[in-house]
Amino acid sequence: LLYTISKMHRGNRKRSKQQHRFGDSRKKPFSQKEKFRTKFSEDPGERLSESSLGIMEYISDLPGFSGIIKARYSDFHVNEIDSSGVVAKLTDLKVPTAVKCDLVSDNSNDVQNDINNPNKYNTTVLPLETWKEIEEVVKQTDKQVVKIDASSISKEDRTKIYSVVKEKFGSTIIGSTLNESDKKYITFTKFDKSVRSDNRVKWMWPGEWVHFLVHKVNIDTLQAAAELAQGLQIKPGNISYAGTKDRRGKTTQWFCVKKIQPKRIIAASKFAKNITVGNFAFKDHALKLGQLKGNRFRIVLRNVVGDPQIIEKALNSLKINGFINYYGLQRFGSCVEVPTYSIGLALLKSNWKEAVDLILKPRQGESDQFMAQARKEWLDSRNAQAALSNLHHHKSTVEYKLLYGLSRCKENDYVTALEFIPRNMRMLYLHSYQSFLWNKLVSRRIHESGLKPLEGDLIFIDEDEAEPIDDLILIEADADEKECGVDKDGKLENEETISSPEKDKRVQVRPLTKDDINTEKYTITDVVLPLPGFDVLYPSNEIGKWYTDILAKDGLTSESMKNRVKSYSLSGSYRKIISKPLTMTWDFAYYDQPNEDLIVSDVEEIKGVQLIKKTAGKYKALILDFCLNSSTYATMALREMLKGDTSSASQAKLNSYHTNVQDDSDNASNIESLTKDSNISSIDETNHSSTVEVLDTDNNGTNEMKADGDQIENTTESLKRKNEDLEEGTEIKKLKSE
């Protein structure tokens, strides 16, 4: 808050000077305070609700209780669980030591610096004559070349030759591989400023793929990757990860890059926002799509209110019976006018112009004035270049990439312009449509047929088979975990390359028979429902017809989901109806101030931070510690337990419990004053552009603001949350600097 106020003052001083110089007739600069008012002065409009997305049923009929999800981002901690079941926890921040090759023989300590001494060089790698030739090249001013026939030398041995020569002569020598007359040669020349050095020979690690843990605070995975990529001067696509994590939380996950020194990665992280890296490992393979078992969640529910017996029953029911495996609201964006599934439907139907217009359609209450102006410009003039001029600082957004494509392509070549959006982002829209249908169908299945398996329901043939991959990328911290892998050149692989196991799994289902039902061998936890596509098996009971009917309403068939443009095809997959926590424990805590930390993060634990557990306090909190399979939403697990709305708007209302509490760090009076000064009617924590944040957990507002009082209350609470986030960020930066 102090930072914002100081920026306001600087902006106002600058404006006053310019007015004095140029007079009032000159256009006034846009001060920071005016920017703040613009950002929060619009009504965000109606938001998507759980029921509108098919999220309607519960497993148990137990009553719920009240608790606040993500009152602070420090209340939500996520750690990946790798495919071997190991939880990704940041424990080591040190730069690892490289493994060096032996350059001299064992008795080299007694060797004099004499070129004639054979022990000066490792003659097991290169003969002494070759070493002498290379040394002569270093001594000479002429440009000489030492050429070694490498036709019969393996790549591993060539790498070792490069390494030992580079270790001996450093940057004074340049090595390269030359193909000449169907033969392969290793060449060494003296360093020349006009010749770019060969960085490959400097690699001294056991594997060329660097795996490392990234602990990020209050930023999403794509932003973290982009910031690291900027610091490393590589493309974000050259950084791979098993899954994406949400913005609002403290999360730890594996990243992977190819042949980049760990010290460079650490240096890049120091200039990135709220990112800490460590636990480096070197492997001979990249981190690819879905290479994780799930996620461990540590979540604080604040201001828990309810009968202790009811709370205990709800917790045990979730642990034993699980929850309906819905796709959470963050899957579908926050804008009711243009939910992501509507764009996906347009793409599936090859309505390219409609898809473009939906992505660029003006949103009610656009929080970002520049994005709003760009949308309006496109709507009014359909001039992509003019619209693009408003987005100089929005180059990571879908809108920028699409408008850039439109400005480069021929008029009305919408399908090519869409290709400028990264493929994984485009797939989000398609998968959102699949998820929307799946939610609706699973609710109907449970509502009409209950929680018992039916003849014709589908199950996996191999009961031990892991949940199949049903997505290319998922923007969600909870547990929706898929992301593109990378190929041998460090570039993102396409779905056809990396999803062959998924294609094999698609056929590994079968319908339940009458005998299966009679023997009661299977339960509802074994039943899967398909995500519609051109290559899936549908239930052989009446549910199969539901798929045909629901697709027909949208003008689709299973066959038509195989688009003539291959990148917009959906082959389909399967998803279990019910999900259970792999492990689950809980504890209760007490606190007096709303901003008290109740969980220690990985970085804080390394720094030795310890929390004192109170046995009493003004407020009660529930601390959950559970693990979920990948492709599972923690918010939906909490929904089953609380029997309440998980949207950010609803949670913001609940978060007013401490409004009357004096909190030195809250500055509530300042925020309320700023709210009135800005004439704010309602609030949204994020902008409405189609960036990653659109699909963030905190963007799921569902309650319409029905009264001015409610609007002001929600506005104040959201601004308080922003202030608390700023305060938390300051604490993190201080801890990181220490």
Foldseek 3Di string as FASTA:
>chain_A
DVVLVVQQVVQVVVQVVVCVVPNPVDDTDQGSLNLVLLLFFFDQDFWDFCVNLLNDDKQDPFAFWDFFFCLALAQKEKWFQFLVRRTDFDFFQDFDDFAADDFFDPPCVPDDPDLPDQRNGDVVLPNSVLVVVLVVLLVDPDKDKDKAFCQPPDPVSVLVNLQNVCVVPPQQKAWDWDQDPNTIIIMITGDDPVDDGDCSSNQRHPAFKKKKKKWAAQQKDLLVLCQLCVLVVHDSQLKDFQAIAFRRHIYMGMIMHGRDRPVSSQVSQVPGARMGMDPIDHDHDWHFWNRGFWMKIKGKTWQIDDDPVSLVVLQVCCQPVNIFQADDLLLFFIAPVQTLLVLLLCVLVVVLVVNLLSQLAAGRRFSRPLSNQLSVCCVVPVQLVVSLVSPPPPCQFLSNQLSVLCNPDDPPPRVRSNPSRDLQLSQSSNVSNLSSVVSNLLSVCCVPPNWWDDFQFKFFLDQPDGAAQQGAHGLYNFFATTHFIADPVSGTDDCVVRCPVNLVRQPRMDGHHPVCRVVVPDTLQRTKQKRAALAHDHGPDCSSVVVQVVQVVSVDDRNSLCDPPNSSHHHIHIDRRGWHWPDKDKDKAADADPLDNDDAGSLNVSVVDDDDGDPDYPIMMMIMITITTHSGGVLSSVCNNRVDTQALLVSLLVSCPCVVPDDPQQPLVVLLVSCVVSNRQAGALDGRNRHSNSSHRHSRDRDDDPDSVSRSSSSSSSVSNVSSNVVVSVVSSVSVVD
